[in-house]
Amino acid sequence: MNTETRNCRNCKQPFTIEPADFGFYEKMQVPAPTWCPECRLQRRLYFMNERALYKRNCDLCGKSIVNMYSPDKNLKVYCNPCWWSDKWDSLSYGREYDPARPFLAQLKELYEATPQMALEVNYPTLVNSDYVNHAATAKNCYLIFTADECENVMYSEIISYYRDCLDCTRGDNLELCCGTINSARCNRCFFSEYCTDSNNLVFCNNCRGCNDCFGCVNLRNKKYHIFNQPHSKEEYEKKLAEMRLDARSGLAKARKQAHDFWLTQPNKYIHSGARSVNVSGDYVNWSKNAHDCYMVVGAEDSRYCQLLTMRPTRDAYDYTIWGNNAQKIYECMIVGEGADTVKFSFQCWPNVRDVEYSMFAISSSHLFGCANVRNKQHCILNKQYSPEEYGALKKRIIEDMGKNPFVDPRGRVFRYGEFLPYEISLFGYNESYAADFFPLDKAEAERQGFAWHEPEPNPHKPTLRVADVPDSIRDVPDSILNDVIACGSCGKPFRILSVELGLLRRFGLPVLGDCPDCRYRSRFVQLNPPRLWDRVCGKCGTAIRTAYAPDRPEIVYCEKCFNAAIA
């Protein structure tokens, strides 16, 4: 089969389907997509609320809970202990399929009627971690998101195997770190990016096997360096002490100096390639035959995948978040841990098999159009059938989805083979993960057919301005734990928790003065987006396909020139 160019039915822009893509769709027994890869990613991300958390009462036990759904949403929400209990039966919400109506309209009604999980977590694996979302296997953690195998970690996201860390974004196997981005196997690294196998780094970028370095870029196996220049141990420690990194003023000055120095050094055109063969995209490592991917580790024979944080994943297209022994996944969001043959679904795990058009399907198999079920088999719209009945009805529904498709208010048609329409998401665009990767204002979001949530004013009143918080961590009293601080960037009130204060004192770092959301956004904008641009190498002029947009200030080299520059 030849390469085919189509126009996206959503944004109307052209996109290509390669012969290998058609081979994957044939293997998965699905039609080729009608939306472009970028629109498909945005659509999936719209179904995930990572950080917008609210209080309401559990609709089963009545306790006040923190959850993903604002109180104005007319939904039934169970706290996690109740949702995971045997106090209710998901099959009691089962319903007969009505061939006279679009199947996805019936799935929408079922999804809205079933009890929602307050927070998307693998609840049995959590210990003293009541305020985490999209997380599993966490102990003593607070406000971590898209996280697994963590202990004593706060305000961090897209992470696995972290210990005693604060304010980190994307990476694995970190300990005693703060403000790190996209790093792995590091200890006591602060405000550093894309560093591996290193210790005691501050404001370093792309350093490997390094120890005791400040403001360095592209170093390999170095120690006691400042701005890439060597120092004696005594000189290094003296200069570092003079920077006063324990104070906000000193830290801010050091950050600017370091980031200005970073701009004088070359960047590799993509952050990919570690133990990888035949890959494309950005932040792709330990992978093979993985193309157009983003923040992926351990993917093989896959394309258009993002945020796969745990190895391995095989035979996957348009798959966002997780991995961990997942295979044959297509157009899915937050699926993993032994998942096999899952299509057009989100929140399905662990060890799910043969699942389509389902959400929050836990430890189940042979599902089509189910919502909020655990340990079930051969179900359609939460109604159980014999294997023979299930197969026959599933085949009929797929045929009916072609004859009587779901049509949204903007006239977009959803037949079998499309991910879920926007109308099935339970979140506003500004609550969803899509807003981080594809920012839109309210008017544009609604023009494109997304919903919008109007947030309620924060009821808490600040008792302390950032200017009144001691500059140095050495002077911060325990009484700050009783204060409500006005964020120095957005004005939102926030508090310092005792564990957080203990970590800052242990790190020798100041109270930064910004709320956790602003700190997150300052890290997030330092990541490259999930997109590639055409430009030329800043050294030799060779054409490159890079994650750095042409209007950005960084110096960007092709792989050959970059390797020569850091050798």
Protein backbone atom coordinates (compact mmCIF):
# COMPACT_ATOMS: atom_id res chain seq x y z
CA MET A 1 0.00 0.00 0.00
CA ASN A 2 1.28 3.49 -0.88
CA THR A 3 1.61 6.59 1.27
CA GLU A 4 -1.69 8.45 1.38
CA THR A 5 -2.35 12.13 2.18
CA ARG A 6 -5.65 13.03 3.80
CA ASN A 7 -7.18 16.23 5.15
CA CYS A 8 -8.00 16.14 8.85
CA ARG A 9 -11.77 16.19 9.40
CA ASN A 10 -11.24 18.41 12.44
CA CYS A 11 -8.64 21.07 11.54
CA LYS A 12 -8.76 20.48 7.74
CA GLN A 13 -4.95 20.34 7.53
CA PRO A 14 -3.24 17.58 5.48
CA PHE A 15 -1.56 14.60 7.13
CA THR A 16 0.02 11.46 5.74
CA ILE A 17 -0.51 7.78 6.40
CA GLU A 18 2.48 5.59 5.59
CA PRO A 19 2.42 1.96 4.40
CA ALA A 20 3.62 0.78 7.83
CA ASP A 21 0.73 2.65 9.41
CA PHE A 22 -1.78 0.85 7.22
CA GLY A 23 -0.15 -2.42 8.26
CA PHE A 24 -0.71 -1.59 11.93
CA TYR A 25 -4.35 -0.62 11.37
CA GLU A 26 -4.94 -3.88 9.50
CA LYS A 27 -3.36 -5.86 12.35
CA MET A 28 -5.57 -4.05 14.89
CA GLN A 29 -8.63 -4.50 12.63
CA VAL A 30 -9.48 -0.79 12.63
CA PRO A 31 -9.96 1.74 9.84
CA ALA A 32 -7.30 4.37 9.20
CA PRO A 33 -7.75 7.63 11.14
CA THR A 34 -9.63 10.63 9.79
CA TRP A 35 -8.11 13.17 12.23
CA CYS A 36 -4.48 14.31 12.07
CA PRO A 37 -2.05 13.17 14.81
CA GLU A 38 -2.09 16.55 16.59
CA CYS A 39 -5.88 16.73 16.76
CA ARG A 40 -6.02 13.12 17.90
CA LEU A 41 -3.62 13.90 20.76
CA GLN A 42 -5.55 17.01 21.81
CA ARG A 43 -8.79 15.01 21.79
CA ARG A 44 -7.35 12.32 24.07
CA LEU A 45 -5.83 14.85 26.47
CA TYR A 46 -9.22 16.51 26.85
CA PHE A 47 -10.41 13.44 28.75
CA MET A 48 -7.82 13.81 31.51
CA ASN A 49 -8.03 16.20 34.45
CA GLU A 50 -4.70 16.03 36.21
CA ARG A 51 -4.52 19.03 38.53
CA ALA A 52 -7.93 20.71 38.93
CA LEU A 53 -9.12 19.21 42.23
CA TYR A 54 -12.24 20.05 44.24
CA LYS A 55 -14.07 19.16 47.42
CA ARG A 56 -17.47 17.49 47.52
CA ASN A 57 -19.12 14.68 49.49
CA CYS A 58 -18.89 11.02 48.57
CA ASP A 59 -22.26 9.89 47.23
CA LEU A 60 -21.98 6.54 49.01
CA CYS A 61 -20.54 7.20 52.49
CA GLY A 62 -21.16 10.94 52.68
CA LYS A 63 -17.63 11.92 53.72
CA SER A 64 -16.03 15.10 52.43
CA ILE A 65 -13.50 14.19 49.74
CA VAL A 66 -11.02 15.68 47.31
CA ASN A 67 -11.89 14.71 43.74
CA MET A 68 -11.55 15.59 40.04
CA TYR A 69 -15.13 16.79 39.58
CA SER A 70 -16.35 20.26 40.56
CA PRO A 71 -19.43 20.29 42.80
CA ASP A 72 -21.60 21.83 40.07
CA LYS A 73 -21.25 18.73 37.89
CA ASN A 74 -24.33 16.52 38.18
CA LEU A 75 -22.44 13.27 38.75
CA LYS A 76 -22.31 10.46 41.25
CA VAL A 77 -18.81 10.46 42.76
CA TYR A 78 -17.49 7.87 45.23
CA CYS A 79 -14.44 8.30 47.41
CA ASN A 80 -11.72 5.85 46.50
CA PRO A 81 -12.31 3.45 49.44
CA CYS A 82 -15.99 3.24 48.43
CA TRP A 83 -15.33 3.00 44.69
CA TRP A 84 -12.93 0.10 45.21
CA SER A 85 -15.22 -1.66 47.69
CA ASP A 86 -17.89 -4.32 47.13
CA LYS A 87 -20.65 -2.00 48.38
CA TRP A 88 -21.95 -1.43 44.86
CA ASP A 89 -22.23 -3.38 41.61
CA SER A 90 -21.31 -1.83 38.28
CA LEU A 91 -23.58 -4.31 36.46
CA SER A 92 -26.61 -2.79 38.20
CA TYR A 93 -26.14 0.15 35.81
CA GLY A 94 -26.19 -2.15 32.77
CA ARG A 95 -28.57 -1.42 29.95
CA GLU A 96 -29.74 -2.98 26.70
CA TYR A 97 -28.28 -1.73 23.46
CA ASP A 98 -30.80 0.28 21.42
CA PRO A 99 -30.02 -0.11 17.69
CA ALA A 100 -32.23 2.87 16.88
CA ARG A 101 -29.83 5.30 18.60
CA PRO A 102 -26.11 6.06 18.06
CA PHE A 103 -24.07 3.75 20.25
CA LEU A 104 -21.78 6.51 21.54
CA ALA A 105 -24.81 8.49 22.74
CA GLN A 106 -25.81 5.47 24.83
CA LEU A 107 -22.25 5.12 26.15
CA LYS A 108 -22.28 8.80 27.17
CA GLU A 109 -25.46 8.30 29.19
CA LEU A 110 -24.05 5.20 30.87
CA TYR A 111 -20.78 6.92 31.76
CA GLU A 112 -22.57 9.87 33.34
CA ALA A 113 -24.86 7.57 35.35
CA THR A 114 -22.19 5.30 36.87
CA PRO A 115 -20.25 6.25 40.01
CA GLN A 116 -17.05 8.10 39.20
CA MET A 117 -13.72 7.39 40.91
CA ALA A 118 -12.89 10.48 43.01
CA LEU A 119 -9.22 10.40 42.06
CA GLU A 120 -7.69 8.26 39.33
CA VAL A 121 -5.42 6.07 41.41
CA ASN A 122 -4.65 2.43 41.97
CA TYR A 123 -6.02 2.86 45.48
CA PRO A 124 -4.85 -0.47 46.98
CA THR A 125 -1.22 0.50 46.26
CA LEU A 126 -1.30 3.86 48.08
CA VAL A 127 -0.04 4.50 51.61
CA ASN A 128 -0.73 7.85 53.26
CA SER A 129 -1.14 9.44 49.83
CA ASP A 130 -4.70 10.72 49.77
CA TYR A 131 -3.98 13.77 47.62
CA VAL A 132 -2.44 12.30 44.47
CA ASN A 133 -4.00 11.83 41.04
CA HIS A 134 -3.21 9.52 38.13
CA ALA A 135 -0.85 7.68 40.45
CA ALA A 136 -0.04 4.24 41.82
CA THR A 137 2.35 2.69 44.34
CA ALA A 138 2.92 5.87 46.34
CA LYS A 139 3.85 6.28 50.00
CA ASN A 140 3.74 9.56 51.93
CA CYS A 141 3.20 11.59 48.76
CA TYR A 142 1.26 14.81 48.19
CA LEU A 143 0.02 16.36 44.94
CA ILE A 144 1.99 14.17 42.58
CA PHE A 145 0.48 13.41 39.18
CA THR A 146 1.08 10.74 36.54
CA ALA A 147 3.39 9.04 39.00
CA ASP A 148 4.36 5.54 40.04
CA GLU A 149 6.67 3.97 42.63
CA CYS A 150 7.28 7.12 44.70
CA GLU A 151 7.93 7.82 48.38
CA ASN A 152 8.01 11.15 50.23
CA VAL A 153 7.48 13.20 47.06
CA MET A 154 5.52 16.45 46.66
CA TYR A 155 4.35 18.69 43.82
CA SER A 156 5.79 16.59 40.96
CA GLU A 157 4.51 14.98 37.77
CA ILE A 158 5.34 12.43 35.04
CA ILE A 159 7.70 10.59 37.40
CA SER A 160 8.58 7.10 38.56
CA TYR A 161 10.87 5.73 41.26
CA TYR A 162 11.36 9.02 43.13
CA ARG A 163 12.34 9.43 46.79
CA ASP A 164 12.36 12.58 48.94
CA CYS A 165 11.83 15.00 46.06
CA LEU A 166 10.03 18.28 45.54
CA ASP A 167 8.87 20.20 42.45
CA CYS A 168 10.14 17.82 39.75
CA THR A 169 8.83 17.20 36.23
CA ARG A 170 9.40 14.04 34.22
CA GLY A 171 12.08 11.51 34.97
CA ASP A 172 12.87 8.36 36.89
CA ASN A 173 15.05 7.17 39.76
CA LEU A 174 15.70 10.48 41.52
CA GLU A 175 16.44 11.05 45.19
CA LEU A 176 16.72 14.26 47.19
CA CYS A 177 16.08 16.45 44.16
CA CYS A 178 14.22 19.74 43.69
CA GLY A 179 13.18 21.56 40.54
CA THR A 180 14.66 18.97 38.17
CA ILE A 181 13.23 18.44 34.72
CA ASN A 182 13.56 15.39 32.48
CA SER A 183 16.35 13.74 34.47
CA ALA A 184 17.22 10.22 35.59
CA ARG A 185 19.33 8.41 38.17
CA CYS A 186 20.37 11.56 40.02
CA ASN A 187 20.89 12.50 43.67
CA ARG A 188 20.79 16.00 45.17
CA CYS A 189 20.29 17.75 41.84
CA PHE A 190 18.52 21.10 41.93
CA PHE A 191 16.89 23.11 39.11
CA SER A 192 18.69 21.04 36.48
CA GLU A 193 17.46 19.64 33.19
CA TYR A 194 18.15 16.52 31.15
CA CYS A 195 20.86 15.25 33.50
CA THR A 196 21.63 11.60 34.18
CA ASP A 197 23.78 9.54 36.54
CA SER A 198 24.89 12.64 38.44
CA ASN A 199 25.07 14.04 41.97
CA ASN A 200 25.11 17.50 43.54
CA LEU A 201 24.24 19.55 40.46
CA VAL A 202 22.71 23.04 40.51
CA PHE A 203 21.31 24.71 37.38
CA CYS A 204 22.97 22.21 35.03
CA ASN A 205 21.74 21.13 31.61
CA ASN A 206 22.50 17.89 29.73
CA CYS A 207 25.23 16.70 32.07
CA ARG A 208 26.00 12.99 32.49
CA GLY A 209 28.10 11.25 35.07
CA CYS A 210 28.93 14.58 36.74
CA ASN A 211 29.34 15.57 40.37
CA ASP A 212 29.43 18.93 42.14
CA CYS A 213 28.79 21.25 39.21
CA PHE A 214 27.00 24.59 38.87
CA GLY A 215 25.59 26.23 35.74
CA CYS A 216 27.18 23.68 33.44
CA VAL A 217 26.04 22.46 30.03
CA ASN A 218 26.87 19.34 27.98
CA LEU A 219 29.52 18.00 30.37
CA ARG A 220 30.46 14.34 30.67
CA ASN A 221 32.07 12.81 33.76
CA LYS A 222 33.24 16.09 35.28
CA LYS A 223 33.32 17.43 38.82
CA TYR A 224 33.83 20.77 40.54
CA HIS A 225 32.95 22.82 37.46
CA ILE A 226 31.25 26.22 37.36
CA PHE A 227 29.96 27.43 33.98
CA ASN A 228 31.95 24.56 32.39
CA GLN A 229 35.22 25.75 33.96
CA PRO A 230 37.15 23.45 36.36
CA HIS A 231 37.84 24.45 39.97
CA SER A 232 39.49 22.85 42.95
CA LYS A 233 37.15 21.39 45.55
CA GLU A 234 37.93 24.27 47.90
CA GLU A 235 37.37 26.94 45.23
CA TYR A 236 34.13 25.33 44.13
CA GLU A 237 32.69 25.15 47.64
CA LYS A 238 33.73 28.74 48.38
CA LYS A 239 32.14 30.14 45.21
CA LEU A 240 28.96 28.13 45.72
CA ALA A 241 28.64 29.46 49.28
CA GLU A 242 29.09 33.01 48.00
CA MET A 243 26.10 32.58 45.67
CA ARG A 244 23.74 32.30 48.67
CA LEU A 245 21.49 29.67 47.14
CA ASP A 246 19.73 29.45 50.50
CA ALA A 247 18.08 32.84 49.74
CA ARG A 248 15.47 33.75 47.12
CA SER A 249 17.54 36.72 45.98
CA GLY A 250 20.67 34.62 45.55
CA LEU A 251 18.79 31.79 43.85
CA ALA A 252 17.10 34.18 41.38
CA LYS A 253 20.42 35.76 40.44
CA ALA A 254 22.06 32.34 40.01
CA ARG A 255 19.15 31.10 37.87
CA LYS A 256 19.47 34.03 35.46
CA GLN A 257 23.25 33.64 35.19
CA ALA A 258 22.92 29.92 34.51
CA HIS A 259 20.12 30.22 31.96
CA ASP A 260 21.99 33.00 30.14
CA PHE A 261 25.03 30.72 29.95
CA TRP A 262 22.92 27.84 28.67
CA LEU A 263 21.95 29.97 25.66
CA THR A 264 25.62 30.25 24.63
CA GLN A 265 25.98 26.47 24.30
CA PRO A 266 24.64 24.17 21.54
CA ASN A 267 21.64 21.90 21.95
CA LYS A 268 21.15 18.58 20.20
CA TYR A 269 18.22 18.86 17.78
CA ILE A 270 16.22 16.36 19.86
CA HIS A 271 16.54 14.95 23.39
CA SER A 272 16.38 11.37 22.18
CA GLY A 273 18.52 8.39 21.40
CA ALA A 274 19.71 6.89 24.69
CA ARG A 275 19.87 3.15 24.00
CA SER A 276 17.48 3.60 21.09
CA VAL A 277 17.43 2.38 17.50
CA ASN A 278 15.47 3.91 14.65
CA VAL A 279 13.43 6.45 16.61
CA SER A 280 12.09 9.94 15.96
CA GLY A 281 10.47 12.57 18.15
CA ASP A 282 11.65 14.19 21.37
CA TYR A 283 12.58 12.65 24.72
CA VAL A 284 12.51 9.11 23.26
CA ASN A 285 14.81 6.64 25.01
CA TRP A 286 15.33 2.88 25.41
CA SER A 287 13.14 2.42 22.33
CA LYS A 288 13.21 0.70 18.95
CA ASN A 289 11.26 1.51 15.78
CA ALA A 290 9.34 4.24 17.60
CA HIS A 291 8.44 7.27 15.52
CA ASP A 292 6.84 10.67 16.10
CA CYS A 293 6.83 9.98 19.83
CA TYR A 294 7.20 12.30 22.82
CA MET A 295 8.47 11.55 26.31
CA VAL A 296 8.55 7.84 25.71
CA VAL A 297 10.71 5.18 27.31
CA GLY A 298 10.76 1.56 26.21
CA ALA A 299 8.51 1.73 23.14
CA GLU A 300 8.91 -0.68 20.25
CA ASP A 301 7.17 -0.77 16.86
CA SER A 302 5.06 2.22 17.85
CA ARG A 303 4.10 5.65 16.55
CA TYR A 304 2.40 8.81 17.81
CA CYS A 305 2.84 7.85 21.47
CA GLN A 306 3.34 10.24 24.38
CA LEU A 307 4.22 10.08 28.06
CA LEU A 308 4.92 6.36 28.24
CA THR A 309 6.85 6.39 31.51
CA MET A 310 7.37 2.69 32.26
CA ARG A 311 8.85 0.01 30.02
CA PRO A 312 7.96 -1.81 27.84
CA THR A 313 5.31 -0.94 25.25
CA ARG A 314 4.95 -2.80 21.95
CA ASP A 315 2.77 -2.31 18.90
CA ALA A 316 1.05 0.93 19.89
CA TYR A 317 -0.23 3.94 17.97
CA ASP A 318 -1.81 7.10 19.38
CA TYR A 319 -1.25 5.98 22.94
CA THR A 320 -0.86 8.56 25.71
CA ILE A 321 0.39 7.86 29.26
CA TRP A 322 1.80 4.83 30.98
CA GLY A 323 3.08 1.64 29.35
CA ASN A 324 4.42 -1.05 31.72
CA ASN A 325 4.02 -4.23 29.66
CA ALA A 326 1.37 -2.82 27.36
CA GLN A 327 0.89 -4.08 23.83
CA LYS A 328 -1.46 -3.67 20.88
CA ILE A 329 -2.84 -0.35 22.05
CA TYR A 330 -4.58 2.10 19.73
CA GLU A 331 -6.12 5.52 20.43
CA CYS A 332 -6.00 5.19 24.21
CA MET A 333 -5.34 7.40 27.22
CA ILE A 334 -3.97 6.21 30.59
CA VAL A 335 -3.84 2.50 29.89
CA GLY A 336 -1.14 0.17 31.14
CA GLU A 337 0.30 -2.49 33.41
CA GLY A 338 -0.23 -5.60 31.32
CA ALA A 339 -2.86 -4.09 29.01
CA ASP A 340 -3.30 -6.07 25.79
CA THR A 341 -5.43 -5.18 22.78
CA VAL A 342 -7.17 -2.01 23.95
CA LYS A 343 -8.76 0.50 21.57
CA PHE A 344 -10.54 3.87 21.85
CA SER A 345 -10.50 3.76 25.65
CA PHE A 346 -9.13 5.55 28.69
CA GLN A 347 -8.37 4.61 32.28
CA CYS A 348 -8.10 0.84 31.71
CA TRP A 349 -5.70 -1.18 33.92
CA PRO A 350 -4.22 -3.50 35.12
CA ASN A 351 -4.05 -6.60 32.91
CA VAL A 352 -7.05 -5.61 30.83
CA ARG A 353 -7.54 -7.46 27.57
CA ASP A 354 -9.74 -6.99 24.50
CA VAL A 355 -11.33 -3.71 25.62
CA GLU A 356 -12.89 -1.12 23.32
CA TYR A 357 -14.75 2.15 23.90
CA SER A 358 -14.52 1.82 27.66
CA MET A 359 -13.47 4.03 30.57
CA PHE A 360 -12.35 3.15 34.07
CA ALA A 361 -12.28 -0.56 33.31
CA ILE A 362 -10.22 -2.29 36.00
CA SER A 363 -8.88 -5.87 35.79
CA SER A 364 -11.41 -6.77 33.11
CA SER A 365 -11.50 -8.34 29.66
CA HIS A 366 -13.77 -8.54 26.60
CA LEU A 367 -15.55 -5.23 27.16
CA PHE A 368 -17.20 -2.97 24.60
CA GLY A 369 -18.65 0.34 25.72
CA CYS A 370 -18.41 -0.07 29.50
CA ALA A 371 -17.83 2.45 32.27
CA ASN A 372 -16.59 2.16 35.85
CA VAL A 373 -16.33 -1.62 36.06
CA ARG A 374 -14.03 -3.96 37.98
CA ASN A 375 -13.30 -7.64 37.41
CA LYS A 376 -15.87 -8.10 34.64
CA GLN A 377 -15.87 -10.04 31.36
CA HIS A 378 -17.98 -10.11 28.20
CA CYS A 379 -19.90 -6.92 28.94
CA ILE A 380 -21.48 -4.33 26.67
CA LEU A 381 -22.90 -1.16 28.23
CA ASN A 382 -22.22 -2.78 31.63
CA LYS A 383 -24.52 -5.70 30.82
CA GLN A 384 -22.97 -9.17 30.88
CA TYR A 385 -23.41 -11.71 28.09
CA SER A 386 -22.21 -15.18 27.24
CA PRO A 387 -19.07 -15.20 25.08
CA GLU A 388 -21.13 -16.10 22.02
CA GLU A 389 -23.76 -13.40 22.67
CA TYR A 390 -21.03 -10.86 23.35
CA GLY A 391 -19.24 -11.54 20.06
CA ALA A 392 -22.41 -11.36 17.99
CA LEU A 393 -23.67 -8.14 19.60
CA LYS A 394 -20.27 -6.46 19.38
CA LYS A 395 -20.14 -7.21 15.65
CA ARG A 396 -23.61 -5.78 15.18
CA ILE A 397 -22.80 -2.58 17.10
CA ILE A 398 -19.67 -1.98 15.03
CA GLU A 399 -21.76 -2.29 11.86
CA ASP A 400 -24.43 0.02 13.30
CA MET A 401 -21.78 2.63 14.21
CA GLY A 402 -21.09 2.93 10.48
CA LYS A 403 -24.77 3.21 9.53
CA ASN A 404 -25.93 5.37 12.45
CA PRO A 405 -22.88 7.28 13.73
CA PHE A 406 -22.66 9.82 16.53
CA VAL A 407 -22.70 13.38 15.16
CA ASP A 408 -21.58 16.19 17.43
CA PRO A 409 -23.00 19.76 17.43
CA ARG A 410 -20.31 20.91 14.96
CA GLY A 411 -21.26 18.18 12.50
CA ARG A 412 -18.22 15.96 13.17
CA VAL A 413 -19.08 12.32 12.53
CA PHE A 414 -17.84 9.54 14.84
CA ARG A 415 -18.05 6.09 13.33
CA TYR A 416 -16.27 2.98 14.55
CA GLY A 417 -12.54 3.66 14.54
CA GLU A 418 -12.65 7.14 16.09
CA PHE A 419 -11.74 7.97 19.67
CA LEU A 420 -14.56 9.34 21.82
CA PRO A 421 -16.29 12.63 20.92
CA TYR A 422 -15.66 15.73 23.03
CA GLU A 423 -19.18 15.51 24.51
CA ILE A 424 -18.28 12.40 26.52
CA SER A 425 -15.51 14.14 28.50
CA LEU A 426 -16.59 15.20 31.98
CA PHE A 427 -14.21 18.17 32.16
CA GLY A 428 -13.94 21.70 30.91
CA TYR A 429 -11.08 22.38 28.53
CA ASN A 430 -9.34 24.56 31.12
CA GLU A 431 -9.52 21.67 33.61
CA SER A 432 -8.03 19.16 31.20
CA TYR A 433 -4.47 18.18 30.36
CA ALA A 434 -5.12 19.39 26.80
CA ALA A 435 -4.90 22.99 28.03
CA ASP A 436 -1.25 22.46 29.05
CA PHE A 437 -0.15 21.19 25.64
CA PHE A 438 -2.60 23.14 23.46
CA PRO A 439 -3.42 26.40 25.30
CA LEU A 440 -6.70 28.04 24.27
CA ASP A 441 -8.73 30.88 25.73
CA LYS A 442 -12.39 30.37 26.55
CA ALA A 443 -13.71 31.81 23.28
CA GLU A 444 -11.46 29.68 21.09
CA ALA A 445 -12.05 26.53 23.15
CA GLU A 446 -15.81 26.91 22.84
CA ARG A 447 -15.50 27.73 19.12
CA GLN A 448 -13.73 24.40 18.64
CA GLY A 449 -16.48 22.56 20.52
CA PHE A 450 -14.87 22.12 23.94
CA ALA A 451 -16.68 22.80 27.20
CA TRP A 452 -15.33 25.37 29.68
CA HIS A 453 -15.45 25.41 33.49
CA GLU A 454 -15.83 28.69 35.36
CA PRO A 455 -13.81 28.28 38.57
CA GLU A 456 -15.13 29.44 41.91
CA PRO A 457 -13.15 32.12 43.79
CA ASN A 458 -10.68 30.71 46.32
CA PRO A 459 -12.23 31.19 49.78
CA HIS A 460 -8.90 31.42 51.61
CA LYS A 461 -7.48 34.85 52.44
CA PRO A 462 -3.71 35.41 52.49
CA THR A 463 -2.13 36.33 55.81
CA LEU A 464 1.38 36.82 54.45
CA ARG A 465 2.97 38.43 51.40
CA VAL A 466 6.00 36.89 49.73
CA ALA A 467 7.95 40.06 50.60
CA ASP A 468 7.37 39.26 54.26
CA VAL A 469 8.69 35.68 53.98
CA PRO A 470 12.35 35.59 55.12
CA ASP A 471 14.73 35.61 52.15
CA SER A 472 16.86 32.76 53.50
CA ILE A 473 15.60 29.36 54.55
CA ARG A 474 17.80 29.76 57.62
CA ASP A 475 15.52 32.50 58.91
CA VAL A 476 12.14 30.89 58.14
CA PRO A 477 10.33 30.11 61.41
CA ASP A 478 8.09 27.11 62.01
CA SER A 479 5.20 29.54 62.40
CA ILE A 480 5.09 29.92 58.60
CA LEU A 481 3.16 26.65 58.60
CA ASN A 482 0.21 28.59 60.06
CA ASP A 483 0.23 31.27 57.36
CA VAL A 484 -1.55 31.55 54.02
CA ILE A 485 0.85 33.11 51.51
CA ALA A 486 -0.21 35.12 48.46
CA CYS A 487 1.58 33.71 45.40
CA GLY A 488 4.13 36.18 44.12
CA SER A 489 3.12 35.45 40.49
CA CYS A 490 -0.65 34.88 40.36
CA GLY A 491 -1.78 36.04 43.82
CA LYS A 492 -3.42 32.69 44.58
CA PRO A 493 -3.26 31.76 48.28
CA PHE A 494 -1.19 28.72 49.23
CA ARG A 495 0.42 27.16 52.29
CA ILE A 496 3.75 25.63 53.18
CA LEU A 497 3.39 22.12 54.59
CA SER A 498 5.64 20.70 57.29
CA VAL A 499 7.10 18.00 55.01
CA GLU A 500 7.81 20.61 52.35
CA LEU A 501 9.53 22.91 54.85
CA GLY A 502 11.58 19.96 56.10
CA LEU A 503 12.75 19.15 52.55
CA LEU A 504 13.66 22.79 51.81
CA ARG A 505 15.72 22.95 55.00
CA ARG A 506 17.36 19.65 54.10
CA PHE A 507 18.21 20.96 50.64
CA GLY A 508 19.30 24.39 51.90
CA LEU A 509 16.87 26.08 49.48
CA PRO A 510 14.56 29.04 50.16
CA VAL A 511 10.78 29.30 50.18
CA LEU A 512 10.31 30.35 46.55
CA GLY A 513 7.21 32.47 46.97
CA ASP A 514 5.20 31.00 44.07
CA CYS A 515 2.27 28.63 44.51
CA PRO A 516 2.66 24.98 43.38
CA ASP A 517 0.67 25.61 40.18
CA CYS A 518 2.91 28.52 39.11
CA ARG A 519 6.02 26.50 39.94
CA TYR A 520 4.66 23.67 37.80
CA ARG A 521 3.96 25.98 34.86
CA SER A 522 7.43 27.51 35.06
CA ARG A 523 8.87 24.00 34.71
CA PHE A 524 6.42 22.89 32.04
CA VAL A 525 7.28 25.75 29.67
CA GLN A 526 10.92 24.65 29.74
CA LEU A 527 9.98 21.36 28.08
CA ASN A 528 9.85 21.16 24.31
CA PRO A 529 6.30 20.69 23.00
CA PRO A 530 5.18 17.45 21.28
CA ARG A 531 5.90 18.81 17.82
CA LEU A 532 8.77 18.92 15.32
CA TRP A 533 9.87 21.75 13.01
CA ASP A 534 12.09 21.97 9.93
CA ARG A 535 15.22 24.10 10.38
CA VAL A 536 18.95 23.81 9.73
CA CYS A 537 21.89 22.91 11.97
CA GLY A 538 23.43 26.03 13.48
CA LYS A 539 26.90 24.71 12.71
CA CYS A 540 26.95 22.97 9.33
CA GLY A 541 23.62 24.04 7.83
CA THR A 542 22.30 20.50 7.38
CA ALA A 543 18.50 20.24 7.31
CA ILE A 544 17.13 18.86 10.59
CA ARG A 545 13.73 17.97 11.99
CA THR A 546 13.83 19.38 15.50
CA ALA A 547 11.77 19.96 18.63
CA TYR A 548 13.08 23.55 18.77
CA ALA A 549 10.83 26.00 16.90
CA PRO A 550 12.68 28.24 14.42
CA ASP A 551 11.95 31.41 16.43
CA ARG A 552 13.52 30.11 19.64
CA PRO A 553 16.86 31.56 20.82
CA GLU A 554 18.72 28.30 21.49
CA ILE A 555 21.66 27.20 19.35
CA VAL A 556 20.62 23.91 17.71
CA TYR A 557 23.03 21.42 16.14
CA CYS A 558 22.55 18.23 14.18
CA GLU A 559 23.68 15.06 15.92
CA LYS A 560 27.09 14.95 14.24
CA CYS A 561 27.98 18.55 15.07
CA PHE A 562 26.61 18.27 18.60
CA ASN A 563 28.64 15.14 19.35
CA ALA A 564 31.77 16.83 18.03
CA ALA A 565 31.13 19.90 20.19
CA ILE A 566 30.92 17.97 23.46
CA ALA A 567 33.59 15.35 22.75
